[in-house]
């Protein structure tokens, strides 16, 4: 499977769990990577999401505990990803995440 990426913008985020369901590309056995940074919504921009810019602010922003999941009972989606967004700032920030989906792992090992 060719890797696929979607950019998701989250308004006014503090540290906490987020979930993004992506029907089709994410399967229960997919490998998914998530990156995050601050973004700026430009007031009055007519460019829509293309008018949102990525921003290196003073806050430390990181992604932890990435977990791929399949559909919940009764859902019609193929899967999604949940992750912990860590925003080290004293006020909520606008955040951009890039969610990249790859195929299943080539091999699996138990170590230890």
Protein backbone atom coordinates (compact mmCIF):
# COMPACT_ATOMS: atom_id res chain seq x y z
CA UNK A 1 0.00 0.00 0.00
CA UNK A 2 1.27 3.45 -0.91
CA UNK A 3 1.41 5.67 2.22
CA UNK A 4 -1.41 8.20 2.47
CA UNK A 5 -1.50 11.37 4.57
CA UNK A 6 -4.30 13.64 5.69
CA UNK A 7 -3.81 16.96 7.48
CA UNK A 8 -6.35 17.58 10.24
CA UNK A 9 -6.78 20.97 11.95
CA UNK A 10 -8.01 21.02 15.55
CA UNK A 11 -9.27 24.29 17.06
CA UNK A 12 -8.41 25.36 20.62
CA UNK A 13 -6.74 22.20 21.91
CA UNK A 14 -5.29 21.43 25.32
CA UNK A 15 -3.52 18.21 26.27
CA UNK A 16 -5.78 15.19 25.94
CA UNK A 17 -6.93 12.25 23.84
CA UNK A 18 -8.00 12.77 20.23
CA UNK A 19 -9.52 10.35 17.74
CA UNK A 20 -9.69 10.50 13.95
CA UNK A 21 -11.67 7.93 11.96
CA UNK A 22 -10.54 7.50 8.36
CA UNK A 23 -12.78 5.05 6.59
CA UNK A 24 -10.91 3.07 3.95
CA UNK A 25 -7.22 3.86 4.46
CA UNK A 26 -7.05 2.91 8.15
CA UNK A 27 -7.58 -0.78 8.84
CA UNK A 28 -7.21 -2.45 12.27
CA UNK A 29 -3.71 -3.69 11.32
CA UNK A 30 -2.43 -0.48 9.66
CA UNK A 31 0.77 1.26 10.75
CA UNK A 32 -0.05 4.92 11.47
CA UNK A 33 2.24 7.84 12.32
CA UNK A 34 0.98 11.17 13.68
CA UNK A 35 2.88 14.47 13.84
CA UNK A 36 1.65 17.75 15.31
CA UNK A 37 2.48 21.45 15.40
CA UNK A 38 0.79 24.75 16.10
CA UNK A 39 -1.14 26.36 13.25
CA UNK A 40 -2.67 29.78 12.54
CA UNK A 41 -6.15 30.30 11.16
CA UNK A 42 -5.87 33.49 9.14
CA UNK A 43 -8.97 35.64 9.74
CA UNK A 44 -10.62 36.83 6.55
CA UNK A 45 -8.72 34.39 4.34
CA UNK A 46 -10.78 33.20 1.38
CA UNK A 47 -8.39 30.28 0.83
CA UNK A 48 -10.21 27.95 3.26
CA UNK A 49 -7.93 25.25 4.67
CA UNK A 50 -5.19 26.34 2.26
CA UNK A 51 -5.09 29.64 4.15
CA UNK A 52 -4.15 27.92 7.41
CA UNK A 53 -0.42 28.09 8.05
CA UNK A 54 1.81 25.86 10.13
CA UNK A 55 3.49 27.80 12.92
CA UNK A 56 6.51 27.19 15.13
CA UNK A 57 5.37 28.83 18.30
CA UNK A 58 6.92 28.78 21.76
CA UNK A 59 4.83 25.83 22.98
CA UNK A 60 6.13 22.28 22.99
CA UNK A 61 3.64 20.05 21.19
CA UNK A 62 3.95 16.29 20.91
CA UNK A 63 1.99 13.16 20.11
CA UNK A 64 2.04 10.11 22.39
CA UNK A 65 0.42 6.70 22.67
CA UNK A 66 -0.71 6.31 19.04
CA UNK A 67 -3.21 3.45 18.78
CA UNK A 68 -4.89 2.19 15.62
CA UNK A 69 -8.35 0.73 16.07
CA UNK A 70 -10.94 -1.06 14.01
CA UNK A 71 -14.63 -0.23 13.97
CA UNK A 72 -16.58 -0.23 17.20
CA UNK A 73 -19.54 -2.62 17.27
CA UNK A 74 -22.22 -1.22 14.99
CA UNK A 75 -19.86 1.20 13.16
CA UNK A 76 -19.60 1.16 9.40
CA UNK A 77 -16.03 2.57 9.27
CA UNK A 78 -12.93 0.44 8.63
CA UNK A 79 -10.86 2.06 11.36
CA UNK A 80 -9.28 5.07 12.95
CA UNK A 81 -6.47 6.23 15.18
CA UNK A 82 -6.46 7.67 18.67
CA UNK A 83 -3.53 9.47 20.24
CA UNK A 84 -2.61 11.66 23.16
CA UNK A 85 -1.85 15.25 22.16
CA UNK A 86 0.50 16.97 24.62
CA UNK A 87 0.27 20.79 24.47
CA UNK A 88 2.65 22.42 26.93
CA UNK A 89 1.06 25.87 27.06
CA UNK A 90 -1.17 27.72 29.53
CA UNK A 91 -3.99 28.30 27.01
CA UNK A 92 -5.61 26.24 24.24
CA UNK A 93 -3.86 26.37 20.85
CA UNK A 94 -4.88 25.63 17.28
CA UNK A 95 -3.09 22.46 16.18
CA UNK A 96 -2.36 20.79 12.84
CA UNK A 97 -1.77 17.04 12.71
CA UNK A 98 -0.48 15.01 9.80
CA UNK A 99 -1.80 11.45 9.96
CA UNK A 100 0.11 9.06 7.70
CA UNK A 101 -1.23 5.57 7.07
CA UNK A 102 0.89 2.73 5.76
CA UNK A 103 0.08 -0.90 5.15
CA UNK A 104 0.26 -3.59 7.80
CA UNK A 105 3.61 -4.44 9.38
CA UNK A 106 5.79 -6.62 7.20
CA UNK A 107 6.68 -8.90 10.12
CA UNK A 108 5.94 -9.17 13.84
CA UNK A 109 8.37 -10.24 16.58
CA UNK A 110 8.28 -10.88 20.32
CA UNK A 111 11.47 -9.77 22.07
CA UNK A 112 12.37 -10.52 25.67
